[in-house]
Amino acid sequence: MAQPAPAPLELEPKYDNYDYPTTAAVAQNGHPGYLTPAQQAQVHQLRMLLEAEGYTKRLDTLTLLRFLRARKFDVEASKKMFIDCEKWREETKLDETVPNWEYPEKEEIFKYYPQYYHKTDKDGRPVYIEQLGGIDLNAMYNITTAERMLTNLAVEYERLADPRLPACSRKAGTLLETCCTIMDMKGVGITKAPSVYGYVKQASALSQNYYPERLGKLYIINAPWGFSTVWSVIKGWLDPITVQKIHVLGSNYKQELLNQIPAENLPKEFGGTCECPGGCALSDMGPWREAEWARPAWWEKQQGSESKASLPADEVKAAEADLNAGAAADAKADAPAPAAA
């Protein structure tokens, strides 16, 4: 298939105020900088339909394009997906929660289930790492609640969108909208599988329904015996484009990771050379922490312009409960996917 011809992205001044590149790194049909005239028109059509429904937030071009790509540029299906997402955000009070969110139990939870962003791959994308082998939900629920875990996951998605990806885009000099994910299954045996699968399925529903088009590459490492057979069935259900992004590896994964991630950016336990003071899992190192590339996120700007008073305790509790209920209700897919990609 011929590569799509470059075409400057048509921006809408009312909503588009990007301070980072807006052309995709790779020429792909339907991606920013490589839209056909019909696809440009579909962006405008989707925005007009949403404005007619009374929506005014998140109508910027890059966001609408992600929803359109997720639904194969079916404008009506994209509109439904967007509205469902906005309803979820309103029900969970996510916009109010993000600026004030604190997760002091993070270090204790990470003893069982590390989930973290750490530096970048060779394409400049954030590297996201999950280690599932230590998950012990009973122990974790003595530390926190399922509601708070899912709330934290949603907040981290918001922080991926801003400030992490914009900072990476500035540093790379090209638009980056996805992550390179490592899902480590070491220690996930038959006895742990049901609880691991149950939580990941909930988290995956949140990812797929509300944060589309964030998966760049996924490396499933230390895949247990028999997983390859299961994967051969699962991938038949998935979009071929998605399948191309997923690499299922056993214990001999190090060289393949190093082909994609610089050794100095990959934690030592995965075959790299990085040893952040205090541990890579808690460092949150990346361009979003580098003064040359970092800019205040929308929620940080909101903190600066408003009082820092938190939501009332009963509203925070209700928002967390809604997040959990919403993710559980939407967990329809049988195949697990990464909690954040």
C-alpha atoms as a PDB file:
ATOM      1  CA  MET A   1       0.000   0.000   0.000  1.00  0.00           C
ATOM      2  CA  ALA A   2       1.351   3.419  -0.976  1.00  0.00           C
ATOM      3  CA  GLN A   3       2.220   5.796   1.826  1.00  0.00           C
ATOM      4  CA  PRO A   4      -0.302   8.610   2.312  1.00  0.00           C
ATOM      5  CA  ALA A   5       0.720  11.997   0.979  1.00  0.00           C
ATOM      6  CA  PRO A   6       1.710  14.609   3.571  1.00  0.00           C
ATOM      7  CA  ALA A   7      -0.992  17.205   4.196  1.00  0.00           C
ATOM      8  CA  PRO A   8      -0.787  19.991   6.802  1.00  0.00           C
ATOM      9  CA  LEU A   9      -3.206  19.407   9.638  1.00  0.00           C
ATOM     10  CA  GLU A  10      -6.147  21.801   9.493  1.00  0.00           C
ATOM     11  CA  LEU A  11      -6.306  23.343  12.953  1.00  0.00           C
ATOM     12  CA  GLU A  12      -9.303  24.964  14.639  1.00  0.00           C
ATOM     13  CA  PRO A  13      -8.118  28.089  16.530  1.00  0.00           C
ATOM     14  CA  LYS A  14     -11.050  27.857  18.935  1.00  0.00           C
ATOM     15  CA  TYR A  15      -9.800  24.540  20.336  1.00  0.00           C
ATOM     16  CA  ASP A  16      -6.265  23.881  19.031  1.00  0.00           C
ATOM     17  CA  ASN A  17      -3.525  25.641  20.988  1.00  0.00           C
ATOM     18  CA  TYR A  18      -0.723  23.080  20.772  1.00  0.00           C
ATOM     19  CA  ASP A  19       2.792  24.074  21.793  1.00  0.00           C
ATOM     20  CA  TYR A  20       4.368  20.908  20.376  1.00  0.00           C
ATOM     21  CA  PRO A  21       4.612  19.276  16.906  1.00  0.00           C
ATOM     22  CA  THR A  22       1.384  18.151  15.239  1.00  0.00           C
ATOM     23  CA  THR A  23       2.701  15.903  12.462  1.00  0.00           C
ATOM     24  CA  ALA A  24       3.015  12.183  13.181  1.00  0.00           C
ATOM     25  CA  ALA A  25       6.484  10.641  13.159  1.00  0.00           C
ATOM     26  CA  VAL A  26       5.469   7.940  10.669  1.00  0.00           C
ATOM     27  CA  ALA A  27       3.387   8.432   7.527  1.00  0.00           C
ATOM     28  CA  GLN A  28       0.187   6.525   8.311  1.00  0.00           C
ATOM     29  CA  ASN A  29      -3.243   6.973   6.851  1.00  0.00           C
ATOM     30  CA  GLY A  30      -5.565   8.801   9.230  1.00  0.00           C
ATOM     31  CA  HIS A  31      -2.773  10.189  11.392  1.00  0.00           C
ATOM     32  CA  PRO A  32      -1.990  13.891  11.889  1.00  0.00           C
ATOM     33  CA  GLY A  33      -0.225  15.329   8.861  1.00  0.00           C
ATOM     34  CA  TYR A  34      -1.396  12.472   6.622  1.00  0.00           C
ATOM     35  CA  LEU A  35      -5.150  12.946   6.348  1.00  0.00           C
ATOM     36  CA  THR A  36      -7.136  12.760   3.150  1.00  0.00           C
ATOM     37  CA  PRO A  37      -9.527  15.636   2.369  1.00  0.00           C
ATOM     38  CA  ALA A  38     -12.403  13.322   3.325  1.00  0.00           C
ATOM     39  CA  GLN A  39     -10.809  12.598   6.717  1.00  0.00           C
ATOM     40  CA  GLN A  40     -10.214  16.312   7.351  1.00  0.00           C
ATOM     41  CA  ALA A  41     -13.917  16.859   6.607  1.00  0.00           C
ATOM     42  CA  GLN A  42     -14.885  14.081   9.029  1.00  0.00           C
ATOM     43  CA  VAL A  43     -12.987  15.851  11.827  1.00  0.00           C
ATOM     44  CA  HIS A  44     -15.013  19.017  11.176  1.00  0.00           C
ATOM     45  CA  GLN A  45     -18.234  17.006  10.938  1.00  0.00           C
ATOM     46  CA  LEU A  46     -17.621  15.236  14.251  1.00  0.00           C
ATOM     47  CA  ARG A  47     -16.828  18.520  15.978  1.00  0.00           C
ATOM     48  CA  MET A  48     -19.994  20.174  14.642  1.00  0.00           C
ATOM     49  CA  LEU A  49     -22.147  17.248  15.793  1.00  0.00           C
ATOM     50  CA  LEU A  50     -20.637  17.370  19.276  1.00  0.00           C
ATOM     51  CA  GLU A  51     -21.031  21.141  19.503  1.00  0.00           C
ATOM     52  CA  ALA A  52     -24.676  20.705  18.525  1.00  0.00           C
ATOM     53  CA  GLU A  53     -25.038  18.325  21.488  1.00  0.00           C
ATOM     54  CA  GLY A  54     -23.615  21.009  23.788  1.00  0.00           C
ATOM     55  CA  TYR A  55     -20.067  19.713  24.217  1.00  0.00           C
ATOM     56  CA  THR A  56     -17.283  22.290  24.496  1.00  0.00           C
ATOM     57  CA  LYS A  57     -14.354  20.420  26.080  1.00  0.00           C
ATOM     58  CA  ARG A  58     -11.774  18.188  24.378  1.00  0.00           C
ATOM     59  CA  LEU A  59     -12.918  19.133  20.887  1.00  0.00           C
ATOM     60  CA  ASP A  60      -9.373  19.739  19.686  1.00  0.00           C
ATOM     61  CA  THR A  61      -8.321  18.125  16.429  1.00  0.00           C
ATOM     62  CA  LEU A  62      -5.852  15.563  17.798  1.00  0.00           C
ATOM     63  CA  THR A  63      -8.361  14.241  20.336  1.00  0.00           C
ATOM     64  CA  LEU A  64     -11.142  13.936  17.761  1.00  0.00           C
ATOM     65  CA  LEU A  65      -8.772  12.139  15.400  1.00  0.00           C
ATOM     66  CA  ARG A  66      -7.981   9.514  18.029  1.00  0.00           C
ATOM     67  CA  PHE A  67     -11.688   8.756  18.455  1.00  0.00           C
ATOM     68  CA  LEU A  68     -12.194   8.679  14.680  1.00  0.00           C
ATOM     69  CA  ARG A  69      -9.289   6.261  14.173  1.00  0.00           C
ATOM     70  CA  ALA A  70     -10.606   4.057  16.954  1.00  0.00           C
ATOM     71  CA  ARG A  71     -13.886   3.739  15.047  1.00  0.00           C
ATOM     72  CA  LYS A  72     -12.426   3.530  11.517  1.00  0.00           C
ATOM     73  CA  PHE A  73     -13.589   7.095  10.726  1.00  0.00           C
ATOM     74  CA  ASP A  74     -17.225   6.189  11.256  1.00  0.00           C
ATOM     75  CA  VAL A  75     -18.426   9.595  12.431  1.00  0.00           C
ATOM     76  CA  GLU A  76     -21.570   8.386  14.215  1.00  0.00           C
ATOM     77  CA  ALA A  77     -19.700   5.595  16.026  1.00  0.00           C
ATOM     78  CA  SER A  78     -16.943   8.050  16.973  1.00  0.00           C
ATOM     79  CA  LYS A  79     -19.537  10.491  18.279  1.00  0.00           C
ATOM     80  CA  LYS A  80     -21.081   7.792  20.482  1.00  0.00           C
ATOM     81  CA  MET A  81     -17.672   6.780  21.833  1.00  0.00           C
ATOM     82  CA  PHE A  82     -16.800  10.407  22.612  1.00  0.00           C
ATOM     83  CA  ILE A  83     -20.129  11.092  24.334  1.00  0.00           C
ATOM     84  CA  ASP A  84     -19.850   7.894  26.400  1.00  0.00           C
ATOM     85  CA  CYS A  85     -16.405   9.040  27.497  1.00  0.00           C
ATOM     86  CA  GLU A  86     -17.630  12.514  28.424  1.00  0.00           C
ATOM     87  CA  LYS A  87     -20.515  11.056  30.427  1.00  0.00           C
ATOM     88  CA  TRP A  88     -18.055   8.843  32.315  1.00  0.00           C
ATOM     89  CA  ARG A  89     -15.797  11.825  33.021  1.00  0.00           C
ATOM     90  CA  GLU A  90     -18.754  13.809  34.338  1.00  0.00           C
ATOM     91  CA  GLU A  91     -20.068  10.949  36.478  1.00  0.00           C
ATOM     92  CA  THR A  92     -16.642  10.345  38.025  1.00  0.00           C
ATOM     93  CA  LYS A  93     -15.794  14.073  38.364  1.00  0.00           C
ATOM     94  CA  LEU A  94     -12.461  13.283  36.754  1.00  0.00           C
ATOM     95  CA  ASP A  95     -11.662  16.864  35.709  1.00  0.00           C
ATOM     96  CA  GLU A  96     -12.063  17.964  39.331  1.00  0.00           C
ATOM     97  CA  THR A  97     -10.162  14.976  40.721  1.00  0.00           C
ATOM     98  CA  VAL A  98      -7.003  15.200  38.583  1.00  0.00           C
ATOM     99  CA  PRO A  99      -5.630  18.536  39.881  1.00  0.00           C
ATOM    100  CA  ASN A 100      -6.045  17.505  43.524  1.00  0.00           C
ATOM    101  CA  TRP A 101      -5.246  13.783  43.328  1.00  0.00           C
ATOM    102  CA  GLU A 102      -2.832  12.324  45.873  1.00  0.00           C
ATOM    103  CA  TYR A 103      -1.893   8.657  46.117  1.00  0.00           C
ATOM    104  CA  PRO A 104       0.306   8.275  49.217  1.00  0.00           C
ATOM    105  CA  GLU A 105      -0.124   4.480  49.236  1.00  0.00           C
ATOM    106  CA  LYS A 106       1.654   4.185  45.875  1.00  0.00           C
ATOM    107  CA  GLU A 107       4.963   2.894  47.257  1.00  0.00           C
ATOM    108  CA  GLU A 108       3.247   0.171  49.281  1.00  0.00           C
ATOM    109  CA  ILE A 109       1.052  -0.876  46.345  1.00  0.00           C
ATOM    110  CA  PHE A 110       4.109  -1.045  44.096  1.00  0.00           C
ATOM    111  CA  LYS A 111       5.528  -3.794  46.290  1.00  0.00           C
ATOM    112  CA  TYR A 112       2.794  -5.975  44.802  1.00  0.00           C
ATOM    113  CA  TYR A 113       1.987  -4.335  41.482  1.00  0.00           C
ATOM    114  CA  PRO A 114       4.470  -1.875  39.946  1.00  0.00           C
ATOM    115  CA  GLN A 115       2.921   0.260  37.174  1.00  0.00           C
ATOM    116  CA  TYR A 116       5.041   3.145  36.011  1.00  0.00           C
ATOM    117  CA  TYR A 117       6.291   5.374  33.202  1.00  0.00           C
ATOM    118  CA  HIS A 118      10.057   5.472  32.821  1.00  0.00           C
ATOM    119  CA  LYS A 119      12.040   7.439  30.233  1.00  0.00           C
ATOM    120  CA  THR A 120      11.596   6.784  26.490  1.00  0.00           C
ATOM    121  CA  ASP A 121      12.187   4.253  23.720  1.00  0.00           C
ATOM    122  CA  LYS A 122      14.244   4.853  20.557  1.00  0.00           C
ATOM    123  CA  ASP A 123      11.243   6.497  18.905  1.00  0.00           C
ATOM    124  CA  GLY A 124      10.972   8.979  21.781  1.00  0.00           C
ATOM    125  CA  ARG A 125       7.765   7.520  23.253  1.00  0.00           C
ATOM    126  CA  PRO A 126       7.222   7.063  26.994  1.00  0.00           C
ATOM    127  CA  VAL A 127       8.031   3.563  28.209  1.00  0.00           C
ATOM    128  CA  TYR A 128       5.307   2.125  30.435  1.00  0.00           C
ATOM    129  CA  ILE A 129       6.023  -0.924  32.594  1.00  0.00           C
ATOM    130  CA  GLU A 130       3.686  -3.280  34.440  1.00  0.00           C
ATOM    131  CA  GLN A 131       4.792  -6.243  36.555  1.00  0.00           C
ATOM    132  CA  LEU A 132       1.884  -8.571  37.242  1.00  0.00           C
ATOM    133  CA  GLY A 133       3.573 -11.484  39.010  1.00  0.00           C
ATOM    134  CA  GLY A 134       3.361 -10.023  42.498  1.00  0.00           C
ATOM    135  CA  ILE A 135      -0.317  -9.071  42.423  1.00  0.00           C
ATOM    136  CA  ASP A 136      -2.029 -10.081  45.655  1.00  0.00           C
ATOM    137  CA  LEU A 137      -5.405  -8.369  45.704  1.00  0.00           C
ATOM    138  CA  ASN A 138      -6.188  -9.343  49.288  1.00  0.00           C
ATOM    139  CA  ALA A 139      -2.976  -7.729  50.511  1.00  0.00           C
ATOM    140  CA  MET A 140      -3.435  -4.727  48.239  1.00  0.00           C
ATOM    141  CA  TYR A 141      -6.977  -4.138  49.461  1.00  0.00           C
ATOM    142  CA  ASN A 142      -5.596  -3.919  52.994  1.00  0.00           C
ATOM    143  CA  ILE A 143      -3.586  -0.934  51.758  1.00  0.00           C
ATOM    144  CA  THR A 144      -6.083   0.752  49.444  1.00  0.00           C
ATOM    145  CA  THR A 145      -9.328   0.081  47.600  1.00  0.00           C
ATOM    146  CA  ALA A 146     -10.122  -1.069  44.083  1.00  0.00           C
ATOM    147  CA  GLU A 147     -11.815   2.298  43.577  1.00  0.00           C
ATOM    148  CA  ARG A 148      -8.638   4.224  44.409  1.00  0.00           C
ATOM    149  CA  MET A 149      -6.528   1.957  42.214  1.00  0.00           C
ATOM    150  CA  LEU A 150      -8.774   2.641  39.224  1.00  0.00           C
ATOM    151  CA  THR A 151      -8.934   6.347  40.009  1.00  0.00           C
ATOM    152  CA  ASN A 152      -5.147   6.449  40.070  1.00  0.00           C
ATOM    153  CA  LEU A 153      -5.045   4.623  36.733  1.00  0.00           C
ATOM    154  CA  ALA A 154      -7.343   7.238  35.174  1.00  0.00           C
ATOM    155  CA  VAL A 155      -5.262  10.075  36.631  1.00  0.00           C
ATOM    156  CA  GLU A 156      -2.101   8.529  35.177  1.00  0.00           C
ATOM    157  CA  TYR A 157      -3.775   8.387  31.753  1.00  0.00           C
ATOM    158  CA  GLU A 158      -4.508  12.101  32.098  1.00  0.00           C
ATOM    159  CA  ARG A 159      -0.880  12.745  32.997  1.00  0.00           C
ATOM    160  CA  LEU A 160       0.219  10.685  30.012  1.00  0.00           C
ATOM    161  CA  ALA A 161      -1.832  12.946  27.728  1.00  0.00           C
ATOM    162  CA  ASP A 162      -0.457  16.021  29.488  1.00  0.00           C
ATOM    163  CA  PRO A 163       2.399  16.557  30.356  1.00  0.00           C
ATOM    164  CA  ARG A 164       4.201  13.335  29.330  1.00  0.00           C
ATOM    165  CA  LEU A 165       3.392  12.988  25.614  1.00  0.00           C
ATOM    166  CA  PRO A 166       3.699  16.724  24.800  1.00  0.00           C
ATOM    167  CA  ALA A 167       7.149  16.811  26.456  1.00  0.00           C
ATOM    168  CA  CYS A 168       8.240  13.736  24.495  1.00  0.00           C
ATOM    169  CA  SER A 169       6.935  15.324  21.276  1.00  0.00           C
ATOM    170  CA  ARG A 170       8.906  18.502  21.891  1.00  0.00           C
ATOM    171  CA  LYS A 171      12.088  16.553  22.506  1.00  0.00           C
ATOM    172  CA  ALA A 172      11.592  14.267  19.490  1.00  0.00           C
ATOM    173  CA  GLY A 173      10.580  17.138  17.201  1.00  0.00           C
ATOM    174  CA  THR A 174       7.568  15.166  15.981  1.00  0.00           C
ATOM    175  CA  LEU A 175       4.126  14.283  17.300  1.00  0.00           C
ATOM    176  CA  LEU A 176       4.050  11.280  19.642  1.00  0.00           C
ATOM    177  CA  GLU A 177       0.672   9.976  20.829  1.00  0.00           C
ATOM    178  CA  THR A 178       1.457   6.435  22.021  1.00  0.00           C
ATOM    179  CA  CYS A 179       3.549   4.456  24.498  1.00  0.00           C
ATOM    180  CA  CYS A 180       5.944   1.550  24.385  1.00  0.00           C
ATOM    181  CA  THR A 181       4.599  -0.888  26.978  1.00  0.00           C
ATOM    182  CA  ILE A 182       6.340  -3.758  28.759  1.00  0.00           C
ATOM    183  CA  MET A 183       4.018  -6.207  30.491  1.00  0.00           C
ATOM    184  CA  ASP A 184       6.056  -8.562  32.667  1.00  0.00           C
ATOM    185  CA  MET A 185       4.196 -11.783  33.474  1.00  0.00           C
ATOM    186  CA  LYS A 186       6.964 -13.392  35.506  1.00  0.00           C
ATOM    187  CA  GLY A 187       5.355 -15.179  38.444  1.00  0.00           C
ATOM    188  CA  VAL A 188       1.857 -15.262  36.960  1.00  0.00           C
ATOM    189  CA  GLY A 189       0.911 -18.910  37.420  1.00  0.00           C
ATOM    190  CA  ILE A 190      -2.348 -20.821  37.385  1.00  0.00           C
ATOM    191  CA  THR A 191      -3.220 -19.939  40.986  1.00  0.00           C
ATOM    192  CA  LYS A 192      -2.763 -16.188  40.462  1.00  0.00           C
ATOM    193  CA  ALA A 193      -4.238 -15.989  36.994  1.00  0.00           C
ATOM    194  CA  PRO A 194      -7.921 -15.425  37.960  1.00  0.00           C
ATOM    195  CA  SER A 195      -7.268 -12.429  40.232  1.00  0.00           C
ATOM    196  CA  VAL A 196      -4.682 -10.951  37.865  1.00  0.00           C
ATOM    197  CA  TYR A 197      -7.004 -11.401  34.896  1.00  0.00           C
ATOM    198  CA  GLY A 198      -9.976  -9.929  36.745  1.00  0.00           C
ATOM    199  CA  TYR A 199      -8.254  -6.663  37.633  1.00  0.00           C
ATOM    200  CA  VAL A 200      -6.479  -6.287  34.285  1.00  0.00           C
ATOM    201  CA  LYS A 201      -9.782  -6.837  32.493  1.00  0.00           C
ATOM    202  CA  GLN A 202     -11.374  -3.997  34.465  1.00  0.00           C
ATOM    203  CA  ALA A 203      -8.424  -1.719  33.817  1.00  0.00           C
ATOM    204  CA  SER A 204      -8.419  -2.667  30.140  1.00  0.00           C
ATOM    205  CA  ALA A 205     -12.063  -1.651  29.765  1.00  0.00           C
ATOM    206  CA  LEU A 206     -11.168   1.809  31.046  1.00  0.00           C
ATOM    207  CA  SER A 207      -8.272   1.995  28.574  1.00  0.00           C
ATOM    208  CA  GLN A 208     -10.167   0.794  25.520  1.00  0.00           C
ATOM    209  CA  ASN A 209     -13.342   2.791  26.093  1.00  0.00           C
ATOM    210  CA  TYR A 210     -11.988   6.118  27.275  1.00  0.00           C
ATOM    211  CA  TYR A 211      -8.362   6.443  26.120  1.00  0.00           C
ATOM    212  CA  PRO A 212      -8.248   5.161  22.521  1.00  0.00           C
ATOM    213  CA  GLU A 213      -5.189   4.995  20.281  1.00  0.00           C
ATOM    214  CA  ARG A 214      -2.529   5.067  23.007  1.00  0.00           C
ATOM    215  CA  LEU A 215      -0.797   1.736  22.251  1.00  0.00           C
ATOM    216  CA  GLY A 216       2.392   2.032  20.215  1.00  0.00           C
ATOM    217  CA  LYS A 217       4.163  -1.239  20.962  1.00  0.00           C
ATOM    218  CA  LEU A 218       3.461  -3.904  23.595  1.00  0.00           C
ATOM    219  CA  TYR A 219       6.041  -6.431  24.725  1.00  0.00           C
ATOM    220  CA  ILE A 220       4.613  -9.250  26.833  1.00  0.00           C
ATOM    221  CA  ILE A 221       7.690 -10.762  28.479  1.00  0.00           C
ATOM    222  CA  ASN A 222       8.168 -13.873  30.600  1.00  0.00           C
ATOM    223  CA  ALA A 223       4.966 -15.198  29.092  1.00  0.00           C
ATOM    224  CA  PRO A 224       4.041 -18.402  30.995  1.00  0.00           C
ATOM    225  CA  TRP A 225       3.870 -21.821  29.422  1.00  0.00           C
ATOM    226  CA  GLY A 226       0.848 -22.148  27.201  1.00  0.00           C
ATOM    227  CA  PHE A 227       0.375 -18.416  26.712  1.00  0.00           C
ATOM    228  CA  SER A 228       1.591 -18.561  23.114  1.00  0.00           C
ATOM    229  CA  THR A 229      -1.179 -21.037  22.317  1.00  0.00           C
ATOM    230  CA  VAL A 230      -3.767 -18.761  23.902  1.00  0.00           C
ATOM    231  CA  TRP A 231      -2.327 -15.783  22.058  1.00  0.00           C
ATOM    232  CA  SER A 232      -2.592 -17.541  18.709  1.00  0.00           C
ATOM    233  CA  VAL A 233      -6.356 -17.718  19.313  1.00  0.00           C
ATOM    234  CA  ILE A 234      -6.757 -14.221  20.783  1.00  0.00           C
ATOM    235  CA  LYS A 235      -4.969 -12.437  17.967  1.00  0.00           C
ATOM    236  CA  GLY A 236      -7.505 -13.805  15.512  1.00  0.00           C
ATOM    237  CA  TRP A 237     -10.105 -11.631  17.250  1.00  0.00           C
ATOM    238  CA  LEU A 238      -8.041  -8.442  17.066  1.00  0.00           C
ATOM    239  CA  ASP A 239      -7.538  -5.834  14.394  1.00  0.00           C
ATOM    240  CA  PRO A 240      -4.445  -6.738  12.302  1.00  0.00           C
ATOM    241  CA  ILE A 241      -2.967  -3.298  13.012  1.00  0.00           C
ATOM    242  CA  THR A 242      -3.203  -4.005  16.754  1.00  0.00           C
ATOM    243  CA  VAL A 243      -1.668  -7.465  16.340  1.00  0.00           C
ATOM    244  CA  GLN A 244       1.362  -5.943  14.626  1.00  0.00           C
ATOM    245  CA  LYS A 245       2.028  -3.870  17.744  1.00  0.00           C
ATOM    246  CA  ILE A 246       2.092  -6.833  20.153  1.00  0.00           C
ATOM    247  CA  HIS A 247       5.138  -9.047  20.719  1.00  0.00           C
ATOM    248  CA  VAL A 248       4.796 -12.112  22.948  1.00  0.00           C
ATOM    249  CA  LEU A 249       8.166 -13.174  24.344  1.00  0.00           C
ATOM    250  CA  GLY A 250       9.371 -15.782  26.816  1.00  0.00           C
ATOM    251  CA  SER A 251      12.357 -15.335  29.101  1.00  0.00           C
ATOM    252  CA  ASN A 252      14.787 -14.545  26.252  1.00  0.00           C
ATOM    253  CA  TYR A 253      13.410 -11.077  25.689  1.00  0.00           C
ATOM    254  CA  LYS A 254      16.318  -8.781  26.543  1.00  0.00           C
ATOM    255  CA  GLN A 255      17.779  -8.249  23.080  1.00  0.00           C
ATOM    256  CA  GLU A 256      14.390  -7.508  21.572  1.00  0.00           C
ATOM    257  CA  LEU A 257      13.711  -4.897  24.255  1.00  0.00           C
ATOM    258  CA  LEU A 258      17.134  -3.361  23.677  1.00  0.00           C
ATOM    259  CA  ASN A 259      16.401  -3.152  19.957  1.00  0.00           C
ATOM    260  CA  GLN A 260      13.561  -0.771  20.866  1.00  0.00           C
ATOM    261  CA  ILE A 261      14.725   0.871  24.101  1.00  0.00           C
ATOM    262  CA  PRO A 262      18.181   2.376  24.761  1.00  0.00           C
ATOM    263  CA  ALA A 263      20.057   0.457  27.470  1.00  0.00           C
ATOM    264  CA  GLU A 264      20.453   3.627  29.552  1.00  0.00           C
ATOM    265  CA  ASN A 265      16.655   4.052  29.575  1.00  0.00           C
ATOM    266  CA  LEU A 266      15.758   0.441  30.380  1.00  0.00           C
ATOM    267  CA  PRO A 267      15.779  -0.613  34.051  1.00  0.00           C
ATOM    268  CA  LYS A 268      18.596  -3.012  34.874  1.00  0.00           C
ATOM    269  CA  GLU A 269      16.181  -5.793  35.891  1.00  0.00           C
ATOM    270  CA  PHE A 270      14.976  -5.956  32.276  1.00  0.00           C
ATOM    271  CA  GLY A 271      18.441  -6.060  30.729  1.00  0.00           C
ATOM    272  CA  GLY A 272      19.237  -2.352  30.583  1.00  0.00           C
ATOM    273  CA  THR A 273      21.696  -0.293  32.587  1.00  0.00           C
ATOM    274  CA  CYS A 274      19.389   2.239  34.279  1.00  0.00           C
ATOM    275  CA  GLU A 275      19.464   2.333  38.093  1.00  0.00           C
ATOM    276  CA  CYS A 276      17.570   5.425  39.223  1.00  0.00           C
ATOM    277  CA  PRO A 277      18.243   6.572  42.794  1.00  0.00           C
ATOM    278  CA  GLY A 278      15.393   5.225  44.890  1.00  0.00           C
ATOM    279  CA  GLY A 279      14.399   2.797  42.143  1.00  0.00           C
ATOM    280  CA  CYS A 280      13.215   3.278  38.565  1.00  0.00           C
ATOM    281  CA  ALA A 281       9.610   2.402  39.470  1.00  0.00           C
ATOM    282  CA  LEU A 282       9.215   5.504  41.642  1.00  0.00           C
ATOM    283  CA  SER A 283      11.431   7.931  39.732  1.00  0.00           C
ATOM    284  CA  ASP A 284       8.965   9.051  37.009  1.00  0.00           C
ATOM    285  CA  MET A 285      11.990  10.076  34.944  1.00  0.00           C
ATOM    286  CA  GLY A 286      11.529  11.267  31.379  1.00  0.00           C
ATOM    287  CA  PRO A 287      11.365  14.413  29.214  1.00  0.00           C
ATOM    288  CA  TRP A 288       8.376  15.532  31.268  1.00  0.00           C
ATOM    289  CA  ARG A 289      10.851  16.052  34.131  1.00  0.00           C
ATOM    290  CA  GLU A 290      13.409  17.915  31.996  1.00  0.00           C
ATOM    291  CA  ALA A 291      13.163  21.719  32.109  1.00  0.00           C
ATOM    292  CA  GLU A 292      13.943  22.111  28.408  1.00  0.00           C
ATOM    293  CA  TRP A 293      10.904  20.075  27.340  1.00  0.00           C
ATOM    294  CA  ALA A 294       8.435  20.185  30.234  1.00  0.00           C
ATOM    295  CA  ARG A 295       5.527  22.634  30.379  1.00  0.00           C
ATOM    296  CA  PRO A 296       2.760  22.937  32.978  1.00  0.00           C
ATOM    297  CA  ALA A 297      -0.100  20.509  32.313  1.00  0.00           C
ATOM    298  CA  TRP A 298      -3.681  21.727  32.022  1.00  0.00           C
ATOM    299  CA  TRP A 299      -4.399  20.503  35.522  1.00  0.00           C
ATOM    300  CA  GLU A 300      -1.333  22.288  36.904  1.00  0.00           C
ATOM    301  CA  LYS A 301      -2.494  25.513  35.261  1.00  0.00           C
ATOM    302  CA  GLN A 302      -5.891  24.946  36.842  1.00  0.00           C
ATOM    303  CA  GLN A 303      -4.216  24.583  40.238  1.00  0.00           C
ATOM    304  CA  GLY A 304      -2.511  27.917  39.720  1.00  0.00           C
ATOM    305  CA  SER A 305      -5.661  29.775  38.715  1.00  0.00           C
ATOM    306  CA  GLU A 306      -7.996  28.331  41.317  1.00  0.00           C
ATOM    307  CA  SER A 307      -7.799  27.684  45.012  1.00  0.00           C
ATOM    308  CA  LYS A 308      -6.243  24.350  45.884  1.00  0.00           C
ATOM    309  CA  ALA A 309      -9.131  23.291  48.035  1.00  0.00           C
ATOM    310  CA  SER A 310      -9.871  19.596  47.535  1.00  0.00           C
ATOM    311  CA  LEU A 311     -13.243  18.173  46.698  1.00  0.00           C
ATOM    312  CA  PRO A 312     -15.371  17.402  49.734  1.00  0.00           C
ATOM    313  CA  ALA A 313     -14.509  13.970  51.106  1.00  0.00           C
ATOM    314  CA  ASP A 314     -17.931  12.540  50.254  1.00  0.00           C
ATOM    315  CA  GLU A 315     -17.579  13.702  46.626  1.00  0.00           C
ATOM    316  CA  VAL A 316     -14.095  12.165  46.303  1.00  0.00           C
ATOM    317  CA  LYS A 317     -15.412   8.865  47.679  1.00  0.00           C
ATOM    318  CA  ALA A 318     -18.381   8.951  45.292  1.00  0.00           C
ATOM    319  CA  ALA A 319     -16.109   9.691  42.325  1.00  0.00           C
ATOM    320  CA  GLU A 320     -13.876   6.726  43.164  1.00  0.00           C
ATOM    321  CA  ALA A 321     -16.898   4.431  43.464  1.00  0.00           C
ATOM    322  CA  ASP A 322     -18.206   5.614  40.100  1.00  0.00           C
ATOM    323  CA  LEU A 323     -14.852   4.949  38.435  1.00  0.00           C
ATOM    324  CA  ASN A 324     -14.861   1.386  39.721  1.00  0.00           C
ATOM    325  CA  ALA A 325     -18.482   0.779  38.770  1.00  0.00           C
ATOM    326  CA  GLY A 326     -18.009   2.231  35.316  1.00  0.00           C
ATOM    327  CA  ALA A 327     -14.943   0.116  34.566  1.00  0.00           C
ATOM    328  CA  ALA A 328     -16.638  -3.028  35.828  1.00  0.00           C
ATOM    329  CA  ALA A 329     -19.722  -2.411  33.702  1.00  0.00           C
ATOM    330  CA  ASP A 330     -17.621  -1.835  30.598  1.00  0.00           C
ATOM    331  CA  ALA A 331     -15.351  -4.880  30.998  1.00  0.00           C
ATOM    332  CA  LYS A 332     -16.796  -6.725  28.019  1.00  0.00           C
ATOM    333  CA  ALA A 333     -13.731  -7.908  26.171  1.00  0.00           C
ATOM    334  CA  ASP A 334     -12.533 -11.429  26.967  1.00  0.00           C
ATOM    335  CA  ALA A 335      -8.889 -10.782  26.114  1.00  0.00           C
ATOM    336  CA  PRO A 336      -6.779  -8.845  28.638  1.00  0.00           C
ATOM    337  CA  ALA A 337      -4.920  -5.764  27.419  1.00  0.00           C
ATOM    338  CA  PRO A 338      -2.370  -3.538  29.139  1.00  0.00           C
ATOM    339  CA  ALA A 339      -3.820  -1.316  31.836  1.00  0.00           C
ATOM    340  CA  ALA A 340      -2.118   1.696  30.356  1.00  0.00           C
ATOM    341  CA  ALA A 341      -0.716   1.950  26.897  1.00  0.00           C
END
